């Protein structure tokens, strides 16, 4: 069984094509990534509103797409595409997933995952940032 962390993309990005791990520039994303690495998972992926599942080393250009304003049927299509991509890297029935993503990003993914945790669920952004800062700074 592998441990896999899924982090949602954010709107704040660099202006040039970059490795996915460096493209997203918001404090929330950076702290999520530091936290994810501290969990020592087997893999970390980004849930991209445009590309679906993205590996940290994938080179992608900046984009302006979000699931936060998308209709449910469009999010279902995105989730199905993303699940198919995830199947190439993970065993959805046996691997354990840690999800660092909002409701709109995880809603239609979770029914496909047998074992998962949702960290930061229900916390407003400010509380998420406080929690993440504490987790990554405490050794």
N, C-alpha and C. Protein backbone atom coordinates (compact mmCIF):
# COMPACT_ATOMS: atom_id res chain seq x y z
N UNK A 1 0.85 -1.19 0.00
CA UNK A 1 0.00 0.00 0.00
C UNK A 1 0.89 1.24 0.00
N UNK A 2 0.62 2.13 -0.94
CA UNK A 2 1.36 3.38 -1.03
C UNK A 2 0.56 4.50 -0.37
N UNK A 3 1.29 5.51 0.10
CA UNK A 3 0.67 6.73 0.62
C UNK A 3 0.87 7.81 -0.44
N UNK A 4 -0.25 8.40 -0.89
CA UNK A 4 -0.21 9.40 -1.96
C UNK A 4 -0.93 10.65 -1.50
N UNK A 5 -0.28 11.81 -1.68
CA UNK A 5 -0.88 13.09 -1.30
C UNK A 5 -1.36 13.80 -2.57
N UNK A 6 -2.58 14.32 -2.50
CA UNK A 6 -3.17 15.09 -3.59
C UNK A 6 -3.38 16.52 -3.12
N UNK A 7 -2.80 17.49 -3.83
CA UNK A 7 -2.89 18.91 -3.48
C UNK A 7 -3.61 19.64 -4.61
N UNK A 8 -4.56 20.48 -4.28
CA UNK A 8 -5.23 21.22 -5.35
C UNK A 8 -4.37 22.37 -5.86
N UNK A 9 -4.58 22.70 -7.12
CA UNK A 9 -3.91 23.85 -7.71
C UNK A 9 -4.47 25.13 -7.09
N UNK A 10 -3.83 26.24 -7.40
CA UNK A 10 -4.28 27.55 -6.91
C UNK A 10 -4.23 28.54 -8.07
N UNK A 11 -4.88 29.66 -7.90
CA UNK A 11 -4.94 30.64 -9.00
C UNK A 11 -3.65 31.42 -9.16
N UNK A 12 -2.90 31.62 -8.08
CA UNK A 12 -1.68 32.42 -8.15
C UNK A 12 -0.54 31.57 -8.73
N UNK A 13 -0.06 32.00 -9.91
CA UNK A 13 0.96 31.23 -10.63
C UNK A 13 2.06 32.13 -11.18
N UNK A 14 3.19 31.51 -11.47
CA UNK A 14 4.25 32.21 -12.18
C UNK A 14 3.74 32.54 -13.58
N UNK A 15 4.39 33.48 -14.25
CA UNK A 15 3.94 33.92 -15.57
C UNK A 15 4.54 33.09 -16.71
N UNK A 16 5.43 32.17 -16.39
CA UNK A 16 6.11 31.38 -17.43
C UNK A 16 5.95 29.89 -17.17
N UNK A 17 6.10 29.11 -18.23
CA UNK A 17 6.05 27.65 -18.11
C UNK A 17 7.09 27.21 -17.08
N UNK A 18 6.67 26.32 -16.18
CA UNK A 18 7.53 25.91 -15.07
C UNK A 18 7.21 24.48 -14.65
N UNK A 19 8.11 23.91 -13.86
CA UNK A 19 7.79 22.64 -13.19
C UNK A 19 6.57 22.91 -12.32
N UNK A 20 5.65 21.97 -12.28
CA UNK A 20 4.41 22.17 -11.53
C UNK A 20 4.68 22.54 -10.08
N UNK A 21 5.68 21.94 -9.46
CA UNK A 21 5.99 22.25 -8.06
C UNK A 21 6.36 23.71 -7.85
N UNK A 22 6.82 24.38 -8.92
CA UNK A 22 7.24 25.78 -8.83
C UNK A 22 6.27 26.75 -9.49
N UNK A 23 5.32 26.22 -10.27
CA UNK A 23 4.38 27.08 -11.00
C UNK A 23 3.44 27.82 -10.05
N UNK A 24 2.92 27.11 -9.06
CA UNK A 24 1.94 27.67 -8.14
C UNK A 24 2.67 28.43 -7.02
N UNK A 25 2.31 29.69 -6.84
CA UNK A 25 3.12 30.54 -5.98
C UNK A 25 2.43 31.01 -4.70
N UNK A 26 1.20 30.63 -4.47
CA UNK A 26 0.51 31.11 -3.27
C UNK A 26 1.13 30.49 -2.01
N UNK A 27 0.99 31.20 -0.92
CA UNK A 27 1.48 30.70 0.37
C UNK A 27 0.78 29.39 0.72
N UNK A 28 -0.52 29.31 0.46
CA UNK A 28 -1.27 28.09 0.77
C UNK A 28 -0.69 26.90 0.01
N UNK A 29 -0.44 27.05 -1.28
CA UNK A 29 0.12 25.95 -2.05
C UNK A 29 1.50 25.56 -1.53
N UNK A 30 2.35 26.55 -1.30
CA UNK A 30 3.71 26.26 -0.84
C UNK A 30 3.70 25.52 0.50
N UNK A 31 2.83 25.96 1.42
CA UNK A 31 2.73 25.28 2.71
C UNK A 31 2.14 23.87 2.57
N UNK A 32 1.15 23.72 1.70
CA UNK A 32 0.60 22.39 1.44
C UNK A 32 1.67 21.44 0.92
N UNK A 33 2.50 21.95 0.02
CA UNK A 33 3.56 21.11 -0.55
C UNK A 33 4.61 20.77 0.51
N UNK A 34 5.00 21.72 1.33
CA UNK A 34 5.95 21.43 2.42
C UNK A 34 5.36 20.40 3.38
N UNK A 35 4.09 20.58 3.72
CA UNK A 35 3.41 19.65 4.62
C UNK A 35 3.34 18.26 3.99
N UNK A 36 2.98 18.22 2.71
CA UNK A 36 2.89 16.94 2.01
C UNK A 36 4.24 16.21 2.05
N UNK A 37 5.31 16.94 1.80
CA UNK A 37 6.65 16.32 1.82
C UNK A 37 7.00 15.82 3.21
N UNK A 38 6.58 16.54 4.22
CA UNK A 38 6.85 16.14 5.61
C UNK A 38 6.15 14.83 5.96
N UNK A 39 5.05 14.54 5.29
CA UNK A 39 4.30 13.29 5.53
C UNK A 39 5.02 12.07 4.95
N UNK A 40 6.09 12.31 4.18
CA UNK A 40 6.90 11.27 3.56
C UNK A 40 6.06 10.27 2.75
N UNK A 41 5.28 10.79 1.81
CA UNK A 41 4.47 9.90 0.99
C UNK A 41 5.29 9.22 -0.10
N UNK A 42 4.70 8.24 -0.73
CA UNK A 42 5.33 7.60 -1.88
C UNK A 42 5.24 8.50 -3.12
N UNK A 43 4.20 9.33 -3.16
CA UNK A 43 4.02 10.23 -4.31
C UNK A 43 3.17 11.43 -3.89
N UNK A 44 3.40 12.54 -4.58
CA UNK A 44 2.59 13.76 -4.42
C UNK A 44 2.15 14.18 -5.82
N UNK A 45 0.87 14.45 -5.95
CA UNK A 45 0.34 14.94 -7.22
C UNK A 45 -0.47 16.21 -6.98
N UNK A 46 -0.56 17.02 -8.02
CA UNK A 46 -1.38 18.22 -7.98
C UNK A 46 -2.66 17.96 -8.75
N UNK A 47 -3.77 18.38 -8.18
CA UNK A 47 -5.06 18.32 -8.85
C UNK A 47 -5.24 19.64 -9.60
N UNK A 48 -5.00 19.61 -10.90
CA UNK A 48 -5.06 20.81 -11.72
C UNK A 48 -6.43 20.92 -12.39
N UNK A 49 -7.04 22.08 -12.25
CA UNK A 49 -8.36 22.29 -12.86
C UNK A 49 -8.29 22.17 -14.38
N UNK A 50 -7.15 22.46 -14.96
CA UNK A 50 -7.01 22.38 -16.42
C UNK A 50 -6.52 21.01 -16.88
N UNK A 51 -5.53 20.47 -16.19
CA UNK A 51 -4.84 19.27 -16.67
C UNK A 51 -5.24 17.98 -15.97
N UNK A 52 -6.02 18.07 -14.92
CA UNK A 52 -6.33 16.86 -14.15
C UNK A 52 -5.21 16.58 -13.17
N UNK A 53 -4.61 15.41 -13.27
CA UNK A 53 -3.54 15.01 -12.37
C UNK A 53 -2.19 15.45 -12.94
N UNK A 54 -1.40 16.12 -12.12
CA UNK A 54 -0.10 16.64 -12.56
C UNK A 54 0.97 16.20 -11.56
N UNK A 55 2.07 15.67 -12.09
CA UNK A 55 3.21 15.32 -11.24
C UNK A 55 4.01 16.59 -10.95
N UNK A 56 4.72 16.59 -9.84
CA UNK A 56 5.47 17.78 -9.43
C UNK A 56 6.50 18.21 -10.47
N UNK A 57 7.07 17.26 -11.21
CA UNK A 57 8.10 17.58 -12.20
C UNK A 57 7.54 17.88 -13.59
N UNK A 58 6.24 17.74 -13.78
CA UNK A 58 5.65 18.05 -15.09
C UNK A 58 5.82 19.53 -15.39
N UNK A 59 6.21 19.85 -16.60
CA UNK A 59 6.33 21.25 -17.04
C UNK A 59 4.99 21.68 -17.61
N UNK A 60 4.42 22.73 -17.05
CA UNK A 60 3.15 23.24 -17.56
C UNK A 60 3.18 24.76 -17.62
N UNK A 61 2.41 25.27 -18.55
CA UNK A 61 2.30 26.72 -18.72
C UNK A 61 1.24 27.26 -17.77
N UNK A 62 1.32 28.52 -17.43
CA UNK A 62 0.29 29.12 -16.58
C UNK A 62 -1.08 29.04 -17.27
N UNK A 63 -2.12 28.96 -16.47
CA UNK A 63 -3.48 28.88 -17.01
C UNK A 63 -4.43 29.55 -16.03
N UNK A 64 -5.62 29.85 -16.52
CA UNK A 64 -6.61 30.53 -15.68
C UNK A 64 -7.90 29.71 -15.68
N UNK A 65 -7.87 28.58 -14.98
CA UNK A 65 -9.02 27.70 -14.88
C UNK A 65 -9.16 27.30 -13.42
N UNK A 66 -10.38 27.26 -12.93
CA UNK A 66 -10.64 26.81 -11.56
C UNK A 66 -11.89 25.96 -11.52
N UNK A 67 -11.95 25.06 -10.59
CA UNK A 67 -13.18 24.28 -10.40
C UNK A 67 -14.15 25.00 -9.48
N UNK A 68 -13.70 26.06 -8.83
CA UNK A 68 -14.53 26.74 -7.85
C UNK A 68 -15.75 27.41 -8.45
N UNK A 69 -15.72 27.68 -9.74
CA UNK A 69 -16.86 28.33 -10.38
C UNK A 69 -17.48 27.45 -11.46
N UNK A 70 -17.14 26.17 -11.45
CA UNK A 70 -17.63 25.26 -12.49
C UNK A 70 -18.87 24.51 -12.03
N UNK A 71 -19.71 24.19 -12.98
CA UNK A 71 -20.94 23.45 -12.68
C UNK A 71 -20.61 22.00 -12.35
N UNK A 72 -21.53 21.36 -11.64
CA UNK A 72 -21.33 19.99 -11.17
C UNK A 72 -21.02 19.03 -12.32
N UNK A 73 -21.74 19.13 -13.44
CA UNK A 73 -21.50 18.17 -14.53
C UNK A 73 -20.09 18.33 -15.11
N UNK A 74 -19.58 19.55 -15.16
CA UNK A 74 -18.21 19.78 -15.64
C UNK A 74 -17.20 19.24 -14.64
N UNK A 75 -17.49 19.37 -13.36
CA UNK A 75 -16.59 18.82 -12.33
C UNK A 75 -16.59 17.29 -12.37
N UNK A 76 -17.71 16.69 -12.69
CA UNK A 76 -17.77 15.22 -12.82
C UNK A 76 -16.90 14.75 -13.97
N UNK A 77 -16.97 15.46 -15.09
CA UNK A 77 -16.12 15.11 -16.25
C UNK A 77 -14.65 15.26 -15.86
N UNK A 78 -14.30 16.35 -15.19
CA UNK A 78 -12.93 16.57 -14.73
C UNK A 78 -12.49 15.43 -13.79
N UNK A 79 -13.35 15.09 -12.85
CA UNK A 79 -13.02 14.04 -11.88
C UNK A 79 -12.80 12.70 -12.56
N UNK A 80 -13.65 12.36 -13.52
CA UNK A 80 -13.49 11.08 -14.24
C UNK A 80 -12.16 11.04 -14.99
N UNK A 81 -11.81 12.14 -15.63
CA UNK A 81 -10.52 12.23 -16.34
C UNK A 81 -9.37 12.09 -15.33
N UNK A 82 -9.48 12.78 -14.22
CA UNK A 82 -8.42 12.77 -13.21
C UNK A 82 -8.27 11.38 -12.59
N UNK A 83 -9.37 10.72 -12.35
CA UNK A 83 -9.33 9.35 -11.80
C UNK A 83 -8.63 8.41 -12.78
N UNK A 84 -8.92 8.54 -14.06
CA UNK A 84 -8.25 7.69 -15.06
C UNK A 84 -6.75 7.95 -15.05
N UNK A 85 -6.34 9.21 -14.91
CA UNK A 85 -4.91 9.53 -14.81
C UNK A 85 -4.32 8.94 -13.54
N UNK A 86 -5.06 9.03 -12.44
CA UNK A 86 -4.58 8.52 -11.16
C UNK A 86 -4.40 7.00 -11.18
N UNK A 87 -5.26 6.32 -11.91
CA UNK A 87 -5.15 4.85 -12.03
C UNK A 87 -3.81 4.41 -12.62
N UNK A 88 -3.19 5.27 -13.40
CA UNK A 88 -1.89 4.94 -14.00
C UNK A 88 -0.76 4.96 -12.98
N UNK A 89 -1.00 5.60 -11.83
CA UNK A 89 0.04 5.78 -10.82
C UNK A 89 -0.28 5.12 -9.48
N UNK A 90 -1.53 4.73 -9.30
CA UNK A 90 -1.95 4.27 -7.98
C UNK A 90 -2.99 3.17 -8.08
N UNK A 91 -3.11 2.43 -7.02
CA UNK A 91 -4.15 1.41 -6.87
C UNK A 91 -5.26 2.05 -6.04
N UNK A 92 -6.35 2.40 -6.67
CA UNK A 92 -7.42 3.14 -6.00
C UNK A 92 -8.08 2.34 -4.88
N UNK A 93 -7.97 1.03 -4.93
CA UNK A 93 -8.59 0.20 -3.90
C UNK A 93 -7.67 -0.07 -2.71
N UNK A 94 -6.35 0.00 -2.92
CA UNK A 94 -5.43 -0.39 -1.85
C UNK A 94 -4.51 0.72 -1.35
N UNK A 95 -4.24 1.70 -2.16
CA UNK A 95 -3.38 2.80 -1.71
C UNK A 95 -4.17 3.74 -0.80
N UNK A 96 -3.42 4.49 0.01
CA UNK A 96 -4.04 5.45 0.94
C UNK A 96 -3.75 6.86 0.45
N UNK A 97 -4.80 7.67 0.36
CA UNK A 97 -4.70 9.02 -0.18
C UNK A 97 -4.92 10.06 0.91
N UNK A 98 -4.06 11.06 0.92
CA UNK A 98 -4.23 12.21 1.80
C UNK A 98 -4.58 13.38 0.90
N UNK A 99 -5.75 13.96 1.12
CA UNK A 99 -6.27 14.98 0.21
C UNK A 99 -6.17 16.36 0.85
N UNK A 100 -5.41 17.22 0.21
CA UNK A 100 -5.26 18.61 0.63
C UNK A 100 -5.91 19.47 -0.46
N UNK A 101 -7.22 19.41 -0.49
CA UNK A 101 -7.98 20.09 -1.55
C UNK A 101 -9.37 20.41 -1.05
N UNK A 102 -9.92 21.47 -1.59
CA UNK A 102 -11.27 21.90 -1.21
C UNK A 102 -12.35 20.98 -1.75
N UNK A 103 -13.54 21.21 -1.28
CA UNK A 103 -14.70 20.39 -1.62
C UNK A 103 -14.90 20.23 -3.13
N UNK A 104 -14.79 21.30 -3.87
CA UNK A 104 -15.04 21.23 -5.32
C UNK A 104 -14.03 20.34 -6.04
N UNK A 105 -12.83 20.24 -5.51
CA UNK A 105 -11.80 19.41 -6.12
C UNK A 105 -11.94 17.94 -5.69
N UNK A 106 -12.42 17.69 -4.52
CA UNK A 106 -12.45 16.31 -4.04
C UNK A 106 -13.81 15.62 -4.17
N UNK A 107 -14.88 16.38 -4.31
CA UNK A 107 -16.24 15.87 -4.26
C UNK A 107 -16.47 14.62 -5.11
N UNK A 108 -16.07 14.65 -6.37
CA UNK A 108 -16.34 13.52 -7.26
C UNK A 108 -15.15 12.58 -7.40
N UNK A 109 -14.05 12.88 -6.71
CA UNK A 109 -12.90 11.98 -6.69
C UNK A 109 -13.04 10.94 -5.58
N UNK A 110 -13.47 11.40 -4.41
CA UNK A 110 -13.49 10.54 -3.23
C UNK A 110 -14.28 9.24 -3.39
N UNK A 111 -15.41 9.24 -4.08
CA UNK A 111 -16.13 7.97 -4.22
C UNK A 111 -15.32 6.87 -4.91
N UNK A 112 -14.26 7.24 -5.62
CA UNK A 112 -13.42 6.27 -6.33
C UNK A 112 -12.27 5.75 -5.47
N UNK A 113 -12.04 6.40 -4.32
CA UNK A 113 -10.91 6.04 -3.47
C UNK A 113 -11.39 5.25 -2.27
N UNK A 114 -10.80 4.11 -2.05
CA UNK A 114 -11.21 3.25 -0.93
C UNK A 114 -10.72 3.78 0.42
N UNK A 115 -9.48 4.28 0.44
CA UNK A 115 -8.86 4.72 1.70
C UNK A 115 -8.32 6.14 1.54
N UNK A 116 -8.86 7.06 2.34
CA UNK A 116 -8.40 8.44 2.24
C UNK A 116 -8.62 9.19 3.54
N UNK A 117 -7.87 10.29 3.67
CA UNK A 117 -8.04 11.26 4.76
C UNK A 117 -8.17 12.62 4.11
N UNK A 118 -8.99 13.47 4.69
CA UNK A 118 -9.11 14.84 4.21
C UNK A 118 -8.56 15.73 5.31
N UNK A 119 -7.35 16.20 5.12
CA UNK A 119 -6.76 17.11 6.10
C UNK A 119 -7.31 18.51 5.85
N UNK A 120 -7.48 19.28 6.88
CA UNK A 120 -7.91 20.67 6.82
C UNK A 120 -9.38 20.84 6.43
N UNK A 121 -10.14 19.77 6.46
CA UNK A 121 -11.55 19.83 6.05
C UNK A 121 -12.32 20.84 6.90
N UNK A 122 -13.05 21.72 6.22
CA UNK A 122 -13.91 22.67 6.90
C UNK A 122 -13.22 23.89 7.48
N UNK A 123 -11.90 23.95 7.36
CA UNK A 123 -11.18 25.10 7.92
C UNK A 123 -11.13 26.23 6.90
N UNK A 124 -11.41 27.47 7.34
CA UNK A 124 -11.22 28.60 6.42
C UNK A 124 -9.73 28.76 6.11
N UNK A 125 -9.43 29.47 5.04
CA UNK A 125 -8.04 29.61 4.57
C UNK A 125 -7.10 30.06 5.69
N UNK A 126 -7.50 31.05 6.46
CA UNK A 126 -6.63 31.53 7.54
C UNK A 126 -6.26 30.44 8.53
N UNK A 127 -7.22 29.62 8.90
CA UNK A 127 -6.97 28.50 9.84
C UNK A 127 -6.10 27.42 9.18
N UNK A 128 -6.33 27.20 7.87
CA UNK A 128 -5.48 26.24 7.16
C UNK A 128 -4.03 26.70 7.19
N UNK A 129 -3.82 27.98 6.90
CA UNK A 129 -2.45 28.53 6.90
C UNK A 129 -1.81 28.40 8.28
N UNK A 130 -2.57 28.72 9.33
CA UNK A 130 -2.05 28.59 10.71
C UNK A 130 -1.63 27.15 10.99
N UNK A 131 -2.51 26.20 10.66
CA UNK A 131 -2.23 24.79 10.91
C UNK A 131 -0.99 24.34 10.14
N UNK A 132 -0.95 24.67 8.85
CA UNK A 132 0.17 24.25 8.01
C UNK A 132 1.49 24.84 8.48
N UNK A 133 1.49 26.12 8.84
CA UNK A 133 2.71 26.76 9.33
C UNK A 133 3.22 26.05 10.57
N UNK A 134 2.31 25.72 11.48
CA UNK A 134 2.69 25.02 12.70
C UNK A 134 3.28 23.65 12.36
N UNK A 135 2.65 22.94 11.43
CA UNK A 135 3.10 21.59 11.08
C UNK A 135 4.48 21.58 10.41
N UNK A 136 4.71 22.54 9.51
CA UNK A 136 5.98 22.53 8.79
C UNK A 136 7.11 23.15 9.60
N UNK A 137 6.77 23.98 10.57
CA UNK A 137 7.81 24.61 11.39
C UNK A 137 8.20 23.76 12.59
N UNK A 138 7.27 22.98 13.12
CA UNK A 138 7.58 22.12 14.27
C UNK A 138 8.38 20.91 13.79
N UNK A 139 9.45 20.65 14.42
CA UNK A 139 10.27 19.49 14.06
C UNK A 139 10.19 18.42 15.11
